[in-house]
Structures are given as structure tokens and as C-alpha cells.
Amino acid sequence: MNFNLKAAGTLLSRAKQFTEEKLGQATDRTEYDENFEEMLARADRTKLWTERLASHVETVLQPNINERLEEFILTKLDQKTVNKPNIYEQLGQCMCEAGNDFGPSTQYGSALIKCGQFHQKLGLAHKEFVHSSAGGFMQPLKSFLDGEMKSLTKERRTLEIKRLDLDAAKSKKKKSKTINSNVAIAMADSSDTELRHAQAEFDRQLELTRLMLDGLNNSHTVNIILDDNEKHSHDSDWITVERPQTKERGRVPRAYLHIDTLLF
């Protein structure tokens, strides 16, 4: 029962401090240093642009929203997606069928077959692009948002709670000094203990959050792994990358490697 009463008192003090801050009536509010504020702002930008990049790249890789929804549902059900022919392959198949119907020996039929075969090859190349981009670029972005960024968001919420508790303890300490009585002396001793505990909890959470913010850049680091073909062709538009944290490898467009630099 004492524990519940104490927890209820903490929640009440926290809510009171939060309300006073929103109304502009709070006299005590712990401010973060400028460097920490910049780290928080950069983390917010990283989350914002990573989410936007993931959304837009996903749209490019699969413009059809119904197909994206189907793939999402199948993924949640742990079922493999159906390897359907894409629009280029469908067009190529249609051209080849038309060409064969008109006759491969005719000029029109021969032209349709050649164009159809080209579009089928284009469709296969597009599938490779989608597969490589999804594994080498999209998956790391989603893993970052679902892993490091989600953990950081949780720790930031905890830090804000600890700050509210600290400022509430400071306010309580200040009010106890204005009362002159034996009860006030007991309240002052209690508020001193509460303030020290709140300060220690805040400092610990602040350091933990700072460490996570410091490690944010490491989440975007990639190791470039050149295979034999890439070693002899440095102008290739595709390159193999490896994520140090997961050791996952994938082939992505070389231009995608500049994304991290642009983010920060």
C-alpha cells in the first residue's frame, strides 16, 4: 500500500509539473546543454528523413499500392510472395505472342518478337534491381527504424519522465523552504532525499541517452566489399555493401551510398 501511495504521489507530482510547464507557470525546468540539444535535433532529422526515404523508395520499387499491401500481408503471415511477372515482362510476353501469331518470318512479327525479348530482359533486370535495393538498402533502413531508432525514442521518453520528476522535486524543495515549522523541517529532509534520488536517476538516464545519440552515426556505416568484377570495373553503377552490425551483404546502386552523407 505504501508503495502504491508513493507511486501515486510521484505520478501526481509529474503531472502537475507537466501541466505547469505547458501553461507557462513552471518556475523550475532543467535545460539540456547546447550540444545535447543539437544531438536530439539531428536524431529527429534522421528519423524524419529515413522514414520519408523508406516510403518513397518503397513506392519506386513497387508503385502498385495493392501489390505492396499483398506483400505486406504475406510477410506478416510468414509466407513467400508470389513471383509474378512485372509490367515489362508482361509487355514482352504480349509482344512475343503477337509476333508469333503474325509469323516470325514476317517483318512485323520479327520486330515484335525482338522487342518482346528485349522487354523480357528489361523485366528481369528490373527484378534484380528491386531485389538488390530491397535487401541492400530498404531492409537496413527498416531495421534501423525498428531497432536503434525505436530504442532511442523509448530512452528519450524515459529521460523526459526523469526530467519532470527532477524538476518536480526541485519545486517541492523550494516550497518547503518557505514554511517555518517542525513539519517543514521534516518535509525539507524528505525533499532533500527525494531531490538527490531524482538527480541521480536523471543523470544516469541522460548519460545513457547521450551514449545512444553518439552511436547513431554508426548505424549508417557500411563496408564496401568489391568482388572480382567490381575490382576491374570501378565505374560500375552497382556495388556490394556490408552492414557491420548484422554482416548482411547486398548489391545496391552506387549512388545510394551517398545517402548517409546527405542525411548528416
C-alpha atoms as a PDB file:
ATOM      1  CA  MET A   1       0.000   0.000   0.000  1.00  0.00           C
ATOM      2  CA  ASN A   2       2.851   2.411   0.872  1.00  0.00           C
ATOM      3  CA  PHE A   3       4.467   1.661  -2.463  1.00  0.00           C
ATOM      4  CA  ASN A   4       1.234   2.399  -4.294  1.00  0.00           C
ATOM      5  CA  LEU A   5       0.750   5.648  -2.418  1.00  0.00           C
ATOM      6  CA  LYS A   6       4.318   6.676  -3.193  1.00  0.00           C
ATOM      7  CA  ALA A   7       3.909   5.808  -6.879  1.00  0.00           C
ATOM      8  CA  ALA A   8       0.636   7.730  -6.983  1.00  0.00           C
ATOM      9  CA  GLY A   9       2.329  10.733  -5.406  1.00  0.00           C
ATOM     10  CA  THR A  10       5.133  10.588  -7.978  1.00  0.00           C
ATOM     11  CA  LEU A  11       2.642  10.440 -10.840  1.00  0.00           C
ATOM     12  CA  LEU A  12       0.705  13.356  -9.384  1.00  0.00           C
ATOM     13  CA  SER A  13       3.831  15.484  -8.995  1.00  0.00           C
ATOM     14  CA  ARG A  14       4.932  14.604 -12.524  1.00  0.00           C
ATOM     15  CA  ALA A  15       1.531  15.502 -13.980  1.00  0.00           C
ATOM     16  CA  LYS A  16       1.485  18.779 -12.028  1.00  0.00           C
ATOM     17  CA  GLN A  17       4.950  19.708 -13.314  1.00  0.00           C
ATOM     18  CA  PHE A  18       3.971  18.835 -16.893  1.00  0.00           C
ATOM     19  CA  THR A  19       0.771  20.909 -16.699  1.00  0.00           C
ATOM     20  CA  GLU A  20       2.561  23.918 -15.224  1.00  0.00           C
ATOM     21  CA  GLU A  21       5.169  23.785 -17.986  1.00  0.00           C
ATOM     22  CA  LYS A  22       2.504  23.669 -20.684  1.00  0.00           C
ATOM     23  CA  LEU A  23       0.719  26.627 -19.086  1.00  0.00           C
ATOM     24  CA  GLY A  24       3.975  28.546 -18.690  1.00  0.00           C
ATOM     25  CA  GLN A  25       3.676  28.583 -14.894  1.00  0.00           C
ATOM     26  CA  ALA A  26       6.629  26.358 -14.029  1.00  0.00           C
ATOM     27  CA  THR A  27       9.452  28.070 -12.158  1.00  0.00           C
ATOM     28  CA  ASP A  28      11.850  25.132 -12.416  1.00  0.00           C
ATOM     29  CA  ARG A  29      12.756  23.466 -15.682  1.00  0.00           C
ATOM     30  CA  THR A  30      16.025  21.662 -16.289  1.00  0.00           C
ATOM     31  CA  GLU A  31      17.544  22.653 -19.625  1.00  0.00           C
ATOM     32  CA  TYR A  32      19.850  20.442 -21.654  1.00  0.00           C
ATOM     33  CA  ASP A  33      23.203  21.745 -22.834  1.00  0.00           C
ATOM     34  CA  GLU A  34      23.521  23.066 -26.388  1.00  0.00           C
ATOM     35  CA  ASN A  35      25.478  20.052 -27.662  1.00  0.00           C
ATOM     36  CA  PHE A  36      22.829  17.642 -26.372  1.00  0.00           C
ATOM     37  CA  GLU A  37      20.046  19.699 -27.948  1.00  0.00           C
ATOM     38  CA  GLU A  38      21.866  19.551 -31.288  1.00  0.00           C
ATOM     39  CA  MET A  39      22.184  15.767 -30.958  1.00  0.00           C
ATOM     40  CA  LEU A  40      18.449  15.488 -30.270  1.00  0.00           C
ATOM     41  CA  ALA A  41      17.631  17.683 -33.279  1.00  0.00           C
ATOM     42  CA  ARG A  42      19.879  15.606 -35.530  1.00  0.00           C
ATOM     43  CA  ALA A  43      18.232  12.409 -34.298  1.00  0.00           C
ATOM     44  CA  ASP A  44      14.824  13.888 -35.135  1.00  0.00           C
ATOM     45  CA  ARG A  45      16.010  14.800 -38.636  1.00  0.00           C
ATOM     46  CA  THR A  46      17.480  11.340 -39.096  1.00  0.00           C
ATOM     47  CA  LYS A  47      14.184   9.680 -38.143  1.00  0.00           C
ATOM     48  CA  LEU A  48      12.127  12.025 -40.309  1.00  0.00           C
ATOM     49  CA  TRP A  49      14.201  11.633 -43.458  1.00  0.00           C
ATOM     50  CA  THR A  50      14.801   7.916 -43.014  1.00  0.00           C
ATOM     51  CA  GLU A  51      11.038   7.355 -42.832  1.00  0.00           C
ATOM     52  CA  ARG A  52      10.483   9.525 -45.910  1.00  0.00           C
ATOM     53  CA  LEU A  53      13.272   7.825 -47.849  1.00  0.00           C
ATOM     54  CA  ALA A  54      11.961   4.366 -46.978  1.00  0.00           C
ATOM     55  CA  SER A  55       8.435   5.360 -48.028  1.00  0.00           C
ATOM     56  CA  HIS A  56       9.472   6.853 -51.367  1.00  0.00           C
ATOM     57  CA  VAL A  57      11.917   4.092 -52.267  1.00  0.00           C
ATOM     58  CA  GLU A  58       9.228   1.529 -51.467  1.00  0.00           C
ATOM     59  CA  THR A  59       6.880   3.366 -53.834  1.00  0.00           C
ATOM     60  CA  VAL A  60       9.511   3.335 -56.580  1.00  0.00           C
ATOM     61  CA  LEU A  61      10.227  -0.366 -56.128  1.00  0.00           C
ATOM     62  CA  GLN A  62       6.511  -1.229 -56.100  1.00  0.00           C
ATOM     63  CA  PRO A  63       4.267   1.600 -57.387  1.00  0.00           C
ATOM     64  CA  ASN A  64       1.099  -0.539 -57.125  1.00  0.00           C
ATOM     65  CA  ILE A  65      -0.303   0.026 -53.625  1.00  0.00           C
ATOM     66  CA  ASN A  66      -2.402  -3.172 -53.827  1.00  0.00           C
ATOM     67  CA  GLU A  67       0.714  -5.224 -54.589  1.00  0.00           C
ATOM     68  CA  ARG A  68       2.536  -3.586 -51.660  1.00  0.00           C
ATOM     69  CA  LEU A  69      -0.380  -4.420 -49.369  1.00  0.00           C
ATOM     70  CA  GLU A  70      -0.389  -8.028 -50.560  1.00  0.00           C
ATOM     71  CA  GLU A  71       3.355  -8.361 -49.978  1.00  0.00           C
ATOM     72  CA  PHE A  72       2.955  -6.811 -46.510  1.00  0.00           C
ATOM     73  CA  ILE A  73       0.214  -9.269 -45.534  1.00  0.00           C
ATOM     74  CA  LEU A  74       2.166 -12.257 -46.853  1.00  0.00           C
ATOM     75  CA  THR A  75       5.222 -11.115 -44.920  1.00  0.00           C
ATOM     76  CA  LYS A  76       3.202 -10.865 -41.703  1.00  0.00           C
ATOM     77  CA  LEU A  77       1.870 -14.375 -42.334  1.00  0.00           C
ATOM     78  CA  ASP A  78       5.418 -15.657 -42.917  1.00  0.00           C
ATOM     79  CA  GLN A  79       4.519 -16.695 -46.453  1.00  0.00           C
ATOM     80  CA  LYS A  80       6.641 -16.178 -49.535  1.00  0.00           C
ATOM     81  CA  THR A  81       5.469 -13.619 -52.041  1.00  0.00           C
ATOM     82  CA  VAL A  82       4.374 -14.898 -55.435  1.00  0.00           C
ATOM     83  CA  ASN A  83       6.965 -14.333 -58.169  1.00  0.00           C
ATOM     84  CA  LYS A  84       4.659 -12.536 -60.596  1.00  0.00           C
ATOM     85  CA  PRO A  85       5.817 -11.176 -63.967  1.00  0.00           C
ATOM     86  CA  ASN A  86       6.253  -7.409 -63.829  1.00  0.00           C
ATOM     87  CA  ILE A  87       4.869  -4.944 -66.357  1.00  0.00           C
ATOM     88  CA  TYR A  88       7.964  -5.160 -68.575  1.00  0.00           C
ATOM     89  CA  GLU A  89       7.788  -8.952 -68.687  1.00  0.00           C
ATOM     90  CA  GLN A  90       4.055  -8.829 -69.371  1.00  0.00           C
ATOM     91  CA  LEU A  91       4.583  -6.430 -72.266  1.00  0.00           C
ATOM     92  CA  GLY A  92       7.424  -8.579 -73.591  1.00  0.00           C
ATOM     93  CA  GLN A  93       5.294 -11.720 -73.407  1.00  0.00           C
ATOM     94  CA  CYS A  94       2.454  -9.967 -75.202  1.00  0.00           C
ATOM     95  CA  MET A  95       4.787  -8.791 -77.993  1.00  0.00           C
ATOM     96  CA  CYS A  96       6.311 -12.251 -78.431  1.00  0.00           C
ATOM     97  CA  GLU A  97       2.880 -13.886 -78.632  1.00  0.00           C
ATOM     98  CA  ALA A  98       1.711 -11.271 -81.134  1.00  0.00           C
ATOM     99  CA  GLY A  99       4.877 -11.705 -83.203  1.00  0.00           C
ATOM    100  CA  ASN A 100       4.485 -15.477 -83.309  1.00  0.00           C
ATOM    101  CA  ASP A 101       0.853 -15.078 -84.313  1.00  0.00           C
ATOM    102  CA  PHE A 102       1.723 -12.752 -87.194  1.00  0.00           C
ATOM    103  CA  GLY A 103       4.614 -15.064 -88.091  1.00  0.00           C
ATOM    104  CA  PRO A 104       8.302 -14.850 -87.118  1.00  0.00           C
ATOM    105  CA  SER A 105       9.212 -14.730 -90.812  1.00  0.00           C
ATOM    106  CA  THR A 106       7.221 -11.553 -91.423  1.00  0.00           C
ATOM    107  CA  GLN A 107       8.838  -8.163 -90.897  1.00  0.00           C
ATOM    108  CA  TYR A 108       6.207  -7.042 -88.376  1.00  0.00           C
ATOM    109  CA  GLY A 109       6.196 -10.333 -86.470  1.00  0.00           C
ATOM    110  CA  SER A 110      10.001 -10.450 -86.317  1.00  0.00           C
ATOM    111  CA  ALA A 111      10.134  -6.875 -84.980  1.00  0.00           C
ATOM    112  CA  LEU A 112       7.536  -7.657 -82.310  1.00  0.00           C
ATOM    113  CA  ILE A 113       9.455 -10.735 -81.169  1.00  0.00           C
ATOM    114  CA  LYS A 114      12.748  -8.828 -80.913  1.00  0.00           C
ATOM    115  CA  CYS A 115      11.108  -6.015 -78.949  1.00  0.00           C
ATOM    116  CA  GLY A 116       9.346  -8.570 -76.765  1.00  0.00           C
ATOM    117  CA  GLN A 117      12.594 -10.381 -75.944  1.00  0.00           C
ATOM    118  CA  PHE A 118      14.212  -7.061 -75.071  1.00  0.00           C
ATOM    119  CA  HIS A 119      11.379  -6.145 -72.695  1.00  0.00           C
ATOM    120  CA  GLN A 120      11.590  -9.559 -71.049  1.00  0.00           C
ATOM    121  CA  LYS A 121      15.295  -8.958 -70.385  1.00  0.00           C
ATOM    122  CA  LEU A 122      14.423  -5.486 -69.114  1.00  0.00           C
ATOM    123  CA  GLY A 123      11.889  -7.058 -66.751  1.00  0.00           C
ATOM    124  CA  LEU A 124      14.488  -9.457 -65.356  1.00  0.00           C
ATOM    125  CA  ALA A 125      16.940  -6.573 -64.862  1.00  0.00           C
ATOM    126  CA  HIS A 126      14.254  -4.608 -63.049  1.00  0.00           C
ATOM    127  CA  LYS A 127      13.563  -7.581 -60.773  1.00  0.00           C
ATOM    128  CA  GLU A 128      17.262  -7.746 -59.902  1.00  0.00           C
ATOM    129  CA  PHE A 129      17.226  -4.026 -59.160  1.00  0.00           C
ATOM    130  CA  VAL A 130      14.173  -4.374 -56.908  1.00  0.00           C
ATOM    131  CA  HIS A 131      15.580  -7.421 -55.102  1.00  0.00           C
ATOM    132  CA  SER A 132      19.020  -5.874 -54.524  1.00  0.00           C
ATOM    133  CA  SER A 133      17.626  -2.498 -53.480  1.00  0.00           C
ATOM    134  CA  ALA A 134      15.122  -4.098 -51.102  1.00  0.00           C
ATOM    135  CA  GLY A 135      17.771  -6.221 -49.399  1.00  0.00           C
ATOM    136  CA  GLY A 136      20.742  -3.885 -49.521  1.00  0.00           C
ATOM    137  CA  PHE A 137      19.029  -0.532 -48.983  1.00  0.00           C
ATOM    138  CA  MET A 138      15.430  -0.836 -47.800  1.00  0.00           C
ATOM    139  CA  GLN A 139      15.954  -3.574 -45.217  1.00  0.00           C
ATOM    140  CA  PRO A 140      18.763  -1.723 -43.383  1.00  0.00           C
ATOM    141  CA  LEU A 141      16.598   1.400 -43.262  1.00  0.00           C
ATOM    142  CA  LYS A 142      13.666  -0.522 -41.785  1.00  0.00           C
ATOM    143  CA  SER A 143      15.958  -2.368 -39.367  1.00  0.00           C
ATOM    144  CA  PHE A 144      17.350   0.976 -38.242  1.00  0.00           C
ATOM    145  CA  LEU A 145      13.874   2.424 -37.636  1.00  0.00           C
ATOM    146  CA  ASP A 146      12.576  -0.708 -35.884  1.00  0.00           C
ATOM    147  CA  GLY A 147      15.766  -1.226 -33.878  1.00  0.00           C
ATOM    148  CA  GLU A 148      18.083   1.649 -32.939  1.00  0.00           C
ATOM    149  CA  MET A 149      15.601   4.450 -33.537  1.00  0.00           C
ATOM    150  CA  LYS A 150      12.782   2.768 -31.628  1.00  0.00           C
ATOM    151  CA  SER A 151      15.121   2.110 -28.683  1.00  0.00           C
ATOM    152  CA  LEU A 152      16.343   5.703 -28.771  1.00  0.00           C
ATOM    153  CA  THR A 153      12.768   7.009 -28.787  1.00  0.00           C
ATOM    154  CA  LYS A 154      11.981   4.874 -25.737  1.00  0.00           C
ATOM    155  CA  GLU A 155      15.028   6.169 -23.864  1.00  0.00           C
ATOM    156  CA  ARG A 156      14.155   9.761 -24.758  1.00  0.00           C
ATOM    157  CA  ARG A 157      10.660   9.299 -23.313  1.00  0.00           C
ATOM    158  CA  THR A 158      12.208   7.886 -20.141  1.00  0.00           C
ATOM    159  CA  LEU A 159      14.606  10.848 -19.977  1.00  0.00           C
ATOM    160  CA  GLU A 160      11.704  13.287 -20.216  1.00  0.00           C
ATOM    161  CA  ILE A 161       9.944  11.479 -17.360  1.00  0.00           C
ATOM    162  CA  LYS A 162      13.106  11.649 -15.244  1.00  0.00           C
ATOM    163  CA  ARG A 163      13.428  15.362 -16.010  1.00  0.00           C
ATOM    164  CA  LEU A 164       9.846  16.019 -14.929  1.00  0.00           C
ATOM    165  CA  ASP A 165      10.490  14.108 -11.682  1.00  0.00           C
ATOM    166  CA  LEU A 166      13.668  16.106 -11.064  1.00  0.00           C
ATOM    167  CA  ASP A 167      12.007  19.471 -11.668  1.00  0.00           C
ATOM    168  CA  ALA A 168       9.034  18.458  -9.515  1.00  0.00           C
ATOM    169  CA  ALA A 169      11.475  17.557  -6.708  1.00  0.00           C
ATOM    170  CA  LYS A 170      13.236  20.911  -7.106  1.00  0.00           C
ATOM    171  CA  SER A 171       9.915  22.739  -6.891  1.00  0.00           C
ATOM    172  CA  LYS A 172       8.936  20.757  -3.805  1.00  0.00           C
ATOM    173  CA  LYS A 173      12.287  21.546  -2.186  1.00  0.00           C
ATOM    174  CA  LYS A 174      11.884  25.244  -2.891  1.00  0.00           C
ATOM    175  CA  LYS A 175       8.379  25.316  -1.399  1.00  0.00           C
ATOM    176  CA  SER A 176       9.494  23.515   1.762  1.00  0.00           C
ATOM    177  CA  LYS A 177      11.994  26.309   2.466  1.00  0.00           C
ATOM    178  CA  THR A 178       9.202  28.883   2.641  1.00  0.00           C
ATOM    179  CA  ILE A 179       7.415  27.109   5.514  1.00  0.00           C
ATOM    180  CA  ASN A 180       8.657  27.652   9.075  1.00  0.00           C
ATOM    181  CA  SER A 181       7.562  24.801  11.302  1.00  0.00           C
ATOM    182  CA  ASN A 182       8.631  21.431  12.606  1.00  0.00           C
ATOM    183  CA  VAL A 183       6.620  19.804   9.871  1.00  0.00           C
ATOM    184  CA  ALA A 184       8.502  21.923   7.346  1.00  0.00           C
ATOM    185  CA  ILE A 185      11.837  20.627   8.687  1.00  0.00           C
ATOM    186  CA  ALA A 186      10.676  17.043   8.204  1.00  0.00           C
ATOM    187  CA  MET A 187       9.409  17.920   4.751  1.00  0.00           C
ATOM    188  CA  ALA A 188      12.744  19.511   3.907  1.00  0.00           C
ATOM    189  CA  ASP A 189      14.654  16.368   4.924  1.00  0.00           C
ATOM    190  CA  SER A 190      12.309  14.263   2.832  1.00  0.00           C
ATOM    191  CA  SER A 191      12.541  16.610  -0.142  1.00  0.00           C
ATOM    192  CA  ASP A 192      16.359  16.581   0.080  1.00  0.00           C
ATOM    193  CA  THR A 193      16.381  12.803  -0.184  1.00  0.00           C
ATOM    194  CA  GLU A 194      13.851  12.863  -2.991  1.00  0.00           C
ATOM    195  CA  LEU A 195      15.839  15.506  -4.861  1.00  0.00           C
ATOM    196  CA  ARG A 196      19.108  13.573  -4.605  1.00  0.00           C
ATOM    197  CA  HIS A 197      17.417  10.429  -5.862  1.00  0.00           C
ATOM    198  CA  ALA A 198      15.723  12.280  -8.732  1.00  0.00           C
ATOM    199  CA  GLN A 199      19.001  13.958  -9.683  1.00  0.00           C
ATOM    200  CA  ALA A 200      20.851  10.637  -9.734  1.00  0.00           C
ATOM    201  CA  GLU A 201      18.147   8.994 -11.847  1.00  0.00           C
ATOM    202  CA  PHE A 202      18.130  11.905 -14.274  1.00  0.00           C
ATOM    203  CA  ASP A 203      21.929  11.969 -14.617  1.00  0.00           C
ATOM    204  CA  ARG A 204      22.025   8.220 -15.270  1.00  0.00           C
ATOM    205  CA  GLN A 205      19.305   8.409 -17.939  1.00  0.00           C
ATOM    206  CA  LEU A 206      20.885  11.489 -19.505  1.00  0.00           C
ATOM    207  CA  GLU A 207      24.218   9.696 -19.905  1.00  0.00           C
ATOM    208  CA  LEU A 208      22.510   6.612 -21.356  1.00  0.00           C
ATOM    209  CA  THR A 209      20.599   8.708 -23.887  1.00  0.00           C
ATOM    210  CA  ARG A 210      23.746  10.636 -24.794  1.00  0.00           C
ATOM    211  CA  LEU A 211      25.614   7.398 -25.480  1.00  0.00           C
ATOM    212  CA  MET A 212      22.811   6.197 -27.754  1.00  0.00           C
ATOM    213  CA  LEU A 213      22.837   9.506 -29.626  1.00  0.00           C
ATOM    214  CA  ASP A 214      26.624   9.280 -30.012  1.00  0.00           C
ATOM    215  CA  GLY A 215      26.244   5.830 -31.538  1.00  0.00           C
ATOM    216  CA  LEU A 216      23.610   6.955 -34.016  1.00  0.00           C
ATOM    217  CA  ASN A 217      26.110   7.578 -36.809  1.00  0.00           C
ATOM    218  CA  ASN A 218      27.484   4.045 -36.523  1.00  0.00           C
ATOM    219  CA  SER A 219      24.107   2.663 -37.556  1.00  0.00           C
ATOM    220  CA  HIS A 220      24.580   4.123 -41.037  1.00  0.00           C
ATOM    221  CA  THR A 221      28.091   2.832 -41.609  1.00  0.00           C
ATOM    222  CA  VAL A 222      28.600   0.420 -44.484  1.00  0.00           C
ATOM    223  CA  ASN A 223      31.644  -1.565 -45.538  1.00  0.00           C
ATOM    224  CA  ILE A 224      32.219  -1.620 -49.278  1.00  0.00           C
ATOM    225  CA  ILE A 225      33.067  -5.121 -50.473  1.00  0.00           C
ATOM    226  CA  LEU A 226      34.413  -5.243 -54.033  1.00  0.00           C
ATOM    227  CA  ASP A 227      34.002  -8.530 -55.860  1.00  0.00           C
ATOM    228  CA  ASP A 228      36.264  -9.552 -58.750  1.00  0.00           C
ATOM    229  CA  ASN A 229      34.140  -7.839 -61.390  1.00  0.00           C
ATOM    230  CA  GLU A 230      33.864  -4.633 -59.364  1.00  0.00           C
ATOM    231  CA  LYS A 231      37.623  -4.543 -58.773  1.00  0.00           C
ATOM    232  CA  HIS A 232      38.156  -4.364 -62.529  1.00  0.00           C
ATOM    233  CA  SER A 233      35.263  -2.012 -63.160  1.00  0.00           C
ATOM    234  CA  HIS A 234      35.185   0.836 -60.645  1.00  0.00           C
ATOM    235  CA  ASP A 235      32.770   2.755 -62.856  1.00  0.00           C
ATOM    236  CA  SER A 236      30.049   0.144 -62.294  1.00  0.00           C
ATOM    237  CA  ASP A 237      26.694   1.555 -61.211  1.00  0.00           C
ATOM    238  CA  TRP A 238      26.299  -1.294 -58.711  1.00  0.00           C
ATOM    239  CA  ILE A 239      28.418  -2.097 -55.690  1.00  0.00           C
ATOM    240  CA  THR A 240      28.392  -4.667 -52.876  1.00  0.00           C
ATOM    241  CA  VAL A 241      27.972  -3.363 -49.326  1.00  0.00           C
ATOM    242  CA  GLU A 242      28.022  -4.947 -45.890  1.00  0.00           C
ATOM    243  CA  ARG A 243      26.401  -3.710 -42.690  1.00  0.00           C
ATOM    244  CA  PRO A 244      28.926  -4.131 -39.817  1.00  0.00           C
ATOM    245  CA  GLN A 245      26.235  -4.706 -37.190  1.00  0.00           C
ATOM    246  CA  THR A 246      24.450  -7.544 -38.983  1.00  0.00           C
ATOM    247  CA  LYS A 247      27.117  -8.653 -41.515  1.00  0.00           C
ATOM    248  CA  GLU A 248      24.362  -8.584 -44.133  1.00  0.00           C
ATOM    249  CA  ARG A 249      25.537  -8.105 -47.702  1.00  0.00           C
ATOM    250  CA  GLY A 250      23.721  -6.822 -50.716  1.00  0.00           C
ATOM    251  CA  ARG A 251      24.226  -5.151 -54.092  1.00  0.00           C
ATOM    252  CA  VAL A 252      22.863  -1.643 -54.348  1.00  0.00           C
ATOM    253  CA  PRO A 253      23.194   1.246 -56.802  1.00  0.00           C
ATOM    254  CA  ARG A 254      26.464   3.080 -56.140  1.00  0.00           C
ATOM    255  CA  ALA A 255      24.589   6.376 -55.846  1.00  0.00           C
ATOM    256  CA  TYR A 256      22.727   5.062 -52.778  1.00  0.00           C
ATOM    257  CA  LEU A 257      25.966   5.127 -50.796  1.00  0.00           C
ATOM    258  CA  HIS A 258      25.814   8.920 -50.801  1.00  0.00           C
ATOM    259  CA  ILE A 259      22.510   8.906 -48.898  1.00  0.00           C
ATOM    260  CA  ASP A 260      24.188   8.662 -45.478  1.00  0.00           C
ATOM    261  CA  THR A 261      26.368  11.653 -46.245  1.00  0.00           C
ATOM    262  CA  LEU A 262      23.332  13.683 -47.261  1.00  0.00           C
ATOM    263  CA  LEU A 263      21.441  12.672 -44.126  1.00  0.00           C
ATOM    264  CA  PHE A 264      24.093  14.058 -41.826  1.00  0.00           C
END
